[in-house]
Amino acid sequence: MIKLTHLGGEPFILNAELIQYVEARPDTFITLTTGQRLVVTEAMDEVLRRAMLYQQAKHLMPSHATRAGSTTAENRLTSRGG
């Protein structure tokens, strides 16, 4: 999720997974995979930066552990005797 601003000044949160493409014409238009189009105050490069930071952060978050110090994959191996 990334925080952006509508042209009217209203902040909103966008699911970055839905971004299909971004255009600068000169306002920044975001086209979503749903076909919906949004116009935001942020520059195209800023939208790109936020979307990339979101993707990086998503992959750096630790996976949910069912017991302290072990990952879900480790638990599956342990439960099978692996």
N, C-alpha and C. Protein backbone atom coordinates (compact mmCIF):
# COMPACT_ATOMS: atom_id res chain seq x y z
N MET A 1 0.84 -1.18 0.00
CA MET A 1 0.00 0.00 0.00
C MET A 1 0.89 1.24 0.00
N ILE A 2 0.51 2.21 -0.82
CA ILE A 2 1.27 3.45 -0.86
C ILE A 2 0.33 4.63 -0.67
N LYS A 3 0.82 5.67 -0.02
CA LYS A 3 0.02 6.86 0.24
C LYS A 3 0.25 7.86 -0.88
N LEU A 4 -0.85 8.34 -1.48
CA LEU A 4 -0.81 9.30 -2.57
C LEU A 4 -1.82 10.41 -2.28
N THR A 5 -1.87 11.40 -3.18
CA THR A 5 -2.77 12.54 -2.98
C THR A 5 -3.56 12.81 -4.25
N HIS A 6 -4.90 12.88 -4.13
CA HIS A 6 -5.74 13.28 -5.25
C HIS A 6 -5.44 14.73 -5.61
N LEU A 7 -5.76 15.16 -6.82
CA LEU A 7 -5.52 16.55 -7.24
C LEU A 7 -6.19 17.56 -6.31
N GLY A 8 -7.31 17.18 -5.72
CA GLY A 8 -8.02 18.07 -4.81
C GLY A 8 -7.37 18.19 -3.44
N GLY A 9 -6.28 17.46 -3.20
CA GLY A 9 -5.58 17.54 -1.93
C GLY A 9 -5.92 16.45 -0.94
N GLU A 10 -6.84 15.56 -1.30
CA GLU A 10 -7.24 14.48 -0.40
C GLU A 10 -6.23 13.33 -0.46
N PRO A 11 -5.63 12.99 0.68
CA PRO A 11 -4.72 11.83 0.68
C PRO A 11 -5.51 10.53 0.62
N PHE A 12 -4.92 9.51 0.04
CA PHE A 12 -5.55 8.19 0.00
C PHE A 12 -4.47 7.13 -0.07
N ILE A 13 -4.85 5.91 0.22
CA ILE A 13 -3.94 4.78 0.19
C ILE A 13 -4.31 3.91 -1.02
N LEU A 14 -3.31 3.56 -1.82
CA LEU A 14 -3.52 2.75 -3.01
C LEU A 14 -2.80 1.42 -2.88
N ASN A 15 -3.48 0.36 -3.23
CA ASN A 15 -2.84 -0.95 -3.29
C ASN A 15 -1.93 -0.95 -4.51
N ALA A 16 -0.62 -0.87 -4.28
CA ALA A 16 0.35 -0.76 -5.38
C ALA A 16 0.32 -1.98 -6.30
N GLU A 17 -0.22 -3.08 -5.83
CA GLU A 17 -0.32 -4.29 -6.66
C GLU A 17 -1.26 -4.07 -7.85
N LEU A 18 -2.14 -3.07 -7.76
CA LEU A 18 -3.13 -2.82 -8.80
C LEU A 18 -2.64 -1.88 -9.90
N ILE A 19 -1.44 -1.33 -9.76
CA ILE A 19 -0.94 -0.38 -10.74
C ILE A 19 -0.55 -1.13 -12.02
N GLN A 20 -1.18 -0.72 -13.13
CA GLN A 20 -0.83 -1.30 -14.43
C GLN A 20 0.24 -0.43 -15.09
N TYR A 21 -0.01 0.89 -15.14
CA TYR A 21 1.01 1.81 -15.62
C TYR A 21 0.75 3.21 -15.13
N VAL A 22 1.79 4.06 -15.22
CA VAL A 22 1.75 5.44 -14.75
C VAL A 22 2.21 6.33 -15.89
N GLU A 23 1.49 7.45 -16.09
CA GLU A 23 1.83 8.38 -17.17
C GLU A 23 1.96 9.80 -16.62
N ALA A 24 2.84 10.59 -17.21
CA ALA A 24 2.95 12.01 -16.90
C ALA A 24 2.46 12.77 -18.13
N ARG A 25 1.35 13.54 -17.99
CA ARG A 25 0.78 14.19 -19.19
C ARG A 25 0.19 15.55 -18.95
N PRO A 26 0.57 16.57 -18.36
CA PRO A 26 1.65 16.68 -17.38
C PRO A 26 1.24 16.21 -15.99
N ASP A 27 -0.08 16.13 -15.71
CA ASP A 27 -0.48 15.54 -14.43
C ASP A 27 -0.14 14.05 -14.45
N THR A 28 -0.03 13.46 -13.28
CA THR A 28 0.31 12.04 -13.19
C THR A 28 -0.96 11.21 -13.18
N PHE A 29 -1.12 10.37 -14.19
CA PHE A 29 -2.26 9.47 -14.32
C PHE A 29 -1.80 8.06 -13.97
N ILE A 30 -2.56 7.40 -13.11
CA ILE A 30 -2.29 6.01 -12.76
C ILE A 30 -3.44 5.17 -13.30
N THR A 31 -3.13 4.19 -14.12
CA THR A 31 -4.14 3.26 -14.62
C THR A 31 -3.98 1.96 -13.85
N LEU A 32 -5.09 1.50 -13.28
CA LEU A 32 -5.08 0.28 -12.48
C LEU A 32 -5.44 -0.92 -13.34
N THR A 33 -5.13 -2.09 -12.84
CA THR A 33 -5.46 -3.32 -13.56
C THR A 33 -6.96 -3.49 -13.73
N THR A 34 -7.75 -2.78 -12.93
CA THR A 34 -9.22 -2.83 -13.03
C THR A 34 -9.75 -1.94 -14.14
N GLY A 35 -8.85 -1.10 -14.73
CA GLY A 35 -9.27 -0.15 -15.75
C GLY A 35 -9.53 1.24 -15.19
N GLN A 36 -9.65 1.36 -13.88
CA GLN A 36 -9.87 2.66 -13.25
C GLN A 36 -8.64 3.52 -13.43
N ARG A 37 -8.86 4.84 -13.62
CA ARG A 37 -7.74 5.79 -13.76
C ARG A 37 -7.81 6.80 -12.64
N LEU A 38 -6.66 7.12 -12.08
CA LEU A 38 -6.54 8.09 -11.00
C LEU A 38 -5.58 9.18 -11.43
N VAL A 39 -5.82 10.41 -10.96
CA VAL A 39 -4.90 11.51 -11.20
C VAL A 39 -4.39 11.95 -9.83
N VAL A 40 -3.08 12.02 -9.68
CA VAL A 40 -2.48 12.34 -8.39
C VAL A 40 -1.52 13.52 -8.52
N THR A 41 -1.23 14.15 -7.36
CA THR A 41 -0.33 15.30 -7.35
C THR A 41 1.13 14.89 -7.42
N GLU A 42 1.45 13.67 -7.00
CA GLU A 42 2.83 13.20 -7.00
C GLU A 42 3.33 13.02 -8.43
N ALA A 43 4.62 13.29 -8.64
CA ALA A 43 5.24 13.09 -9.95
C ALA A 43 5.32 11.60 -10.25
N MET A 44 5.41 11.27 -11.54
CA MET A 44 5.50 9.88 -11.96
C MET A 44 6.68 9.17 -11.28
N ASP A 45 7.83 9.82 -11.20
CA ASP A 45 9.00 9.21 -10.56
C ASP A 45 8.76 8.94 -9.08
N GLU A 46 7.98 9.80 -8.42
CA GLU A 46 7.69 9.59 -7.00
C GLU A 46 6.75 8.40 -6.81
N VAL A 47 5.77 8.26 -7.68
CA VAL A 47 4.87 7.10 -7.62
C VAL A 47 5.69 5.83 -7.82
N LEU A 48 6.60 5.85 -8.79
CA LEU A 48 7.48 4.70 -9.04
C LEU A 48 8.32 4.39 -7.80
N ARG A 49 8.91 5.42 -7.20
CA ARG A 49 9.75 5.23 -6.02
C ARG A 49 8.96 4.59 -4.88
N ARG A 50 7.76 5.09 -4.63
CA ARG A 50 6.93 4.54 -3.55
C ARG A 50 6.50 3.11 -3.84
N ALA A 51 6.16 2.83 -5.09
CA ALA A 51 5.75 1.47 -5.45
C ALA A 51 6.92 0.50 -5.30
N MET A 52 8.12 0.94 -5.67
CA MET A 52 9.29 0.09 -5.54
C MET A 52 9.64 -0.14 -4.07
N LEU A 53 9.55 0.91 -3.25
CA LEU A 53 9.81 0.76 -1.81
C LEU A 53 8.80 -0.21 -1.19
N TYR A 54 7.55 -0.11 -1.63
CA TYR A 54 6.52 -1.03 -1.14
C TYR A 54 6.89 -2.48 -1.47
N GLN A 55 7.28 -2.71 -2.72
CA GLN A 55 7.63 -4.07 -3.14
C GLN A 55 8.84 -4.59 -2.36
N GLN A 56 9.83 -3.74 -2.16
CA GLN A 56 11.01 -4.14 -1.40
C GLN A 56 10.64 -4.45 0.05
N ALA A 57 9.83 -3.61 0.66
CA ALA A 57 9.43 -3.82 2.06
C ALA A 57 8.60 -5.08 2.20
N LYS A 58 7.77 -5.36 1.21
CA LYS A 58 6.92 -6.54 1.24
C LYS A 58 7.76 -7.81 1.32
N HIS A 59 8.87 -7.84 0.61
CA HIS A 59 9.72 -9.02 0.58
C HIS A 59 10.68 -9.09 1.76
N LEU A 60 10.85 -7.98 2.48
CA LEU A 60 11.75 -7.97 3.62
C LEU A 60 11.04 -8.30 4.93
N MET A 61 9.70 -8.28 4.91
CA MET A 61 8.95 -8.57 6.12
C MET A 61 9.11 -10.04 6.47
N PRO A 62 9.35 -10.34 7.74
CA PRO A 62 9.49 -11.75 8.12
C PRO A 62 8.17 -12.49 7.95
N SER A 63 8.27 -13.75 7.57
CA SER A 63 7.07 -14.55 7.45
C SER A 63 6.53 -14.90 8.83
N HIS A 64 5.27 -15.19 8.90
CA HIS A 64 4.61 -15.53 10.16
C HIS A 64 5.20 -16.83 10.71
N ALA A 65 5.63 -16.81 11.95
CA ALA A 65 6.19 -18.00 12.59
C ALA A 65 5.17 -18.59 13.55
N THR A 66 4.99 -19.90 13.50
CA THR A 66 4.04 -20.54 14.40
C THR A 66 4.66 -20.81 15.76
N ARG A 67 5.97 -20.78 15.82
CA ARG A 67 6.64 -20.84 17.12
C ARG A 67 7.88 -19.97 17.03
N ALA A 68 8.34 -19.48 18.13
CA ALA A 68 9.44 -18.52 18.16
C ALA A 68 10.67 -19.06 17.46
N GLY A 69 11.22 -18.26 16.54
CA GLY A 69 12.47 -18.60 15.89
C GLY A 69 12.38 -19.54 14.71
N SER A 70 11.19 -19.91 14.28
CA SER A 70 11.11 -20.81 13.12
C SER A 70 10.09 -20.28 12.13
N THR A 71 10.35 -20.55 10.88
CA THR A 71 9.43 -20.11 9.83
C THR A 71 8.40 -21.20 9.57
N THR A 72 7.38 -20.85 8.83
CA THR A 72 6.34 -21.81 8.48
C THR A 72 6.94 -22.99 7.71
N ALA A 73 7.86 -22.72 6.78
CA ALA A 73 8.48 -23.80 6.00
C ALA A 73 9.27 -24.73 6.92
N GLU A 74 9.98 -24.15 7.90
CA GLU A 74 10.72 -24.98 8.84
C GLU A 74 9.77 -25.86 9.65
N ASN A 75 8.63 -25.33 10.03
CA ASN A 75 7.65 -26.11 10.80
C ASN A 75 7.12 -27.29 9.98
N ARG A 76 6.88 -27.05 8.67
CA ARG A 76 6.40 -28.15 7.83
C ARG A 76 7.44 -29.26 7.73
N LEU A 77 8.71 -28.89 7.57
CA LEU A 77 9.77 -29.89 7.49
C LEU A 77 9.89 -30.65 8.80
N THR A 78 9.82 -29.94 9.92
CA THR A 78 9.96 -30.54 11.23
C THR A 78 8.81 -31.52 11.49
N SER A 79 7.59 -31.12 11.10
CA SER A 79 6.43 -31.98 11.36
C SER A 79 6.45 -33.26 10.52
N ARG A 80 7.18 -33.24 9.39
CA ARG A 80 7.29 -34.41 8.52
C ARG A 80 8.53 -35.25 8.87
N GLY A 81 9.29 -34.78 9.82
CA GLY A 81 10.48 -35.52 10.18
C GLY A 81 11.67 -35.20 9.32
N GLY A 82 11.60 -34.04 8.55
CA GLY A 82 12.65 -33.69 7.62
C GLY A 82 13.67 -32.86 8.26
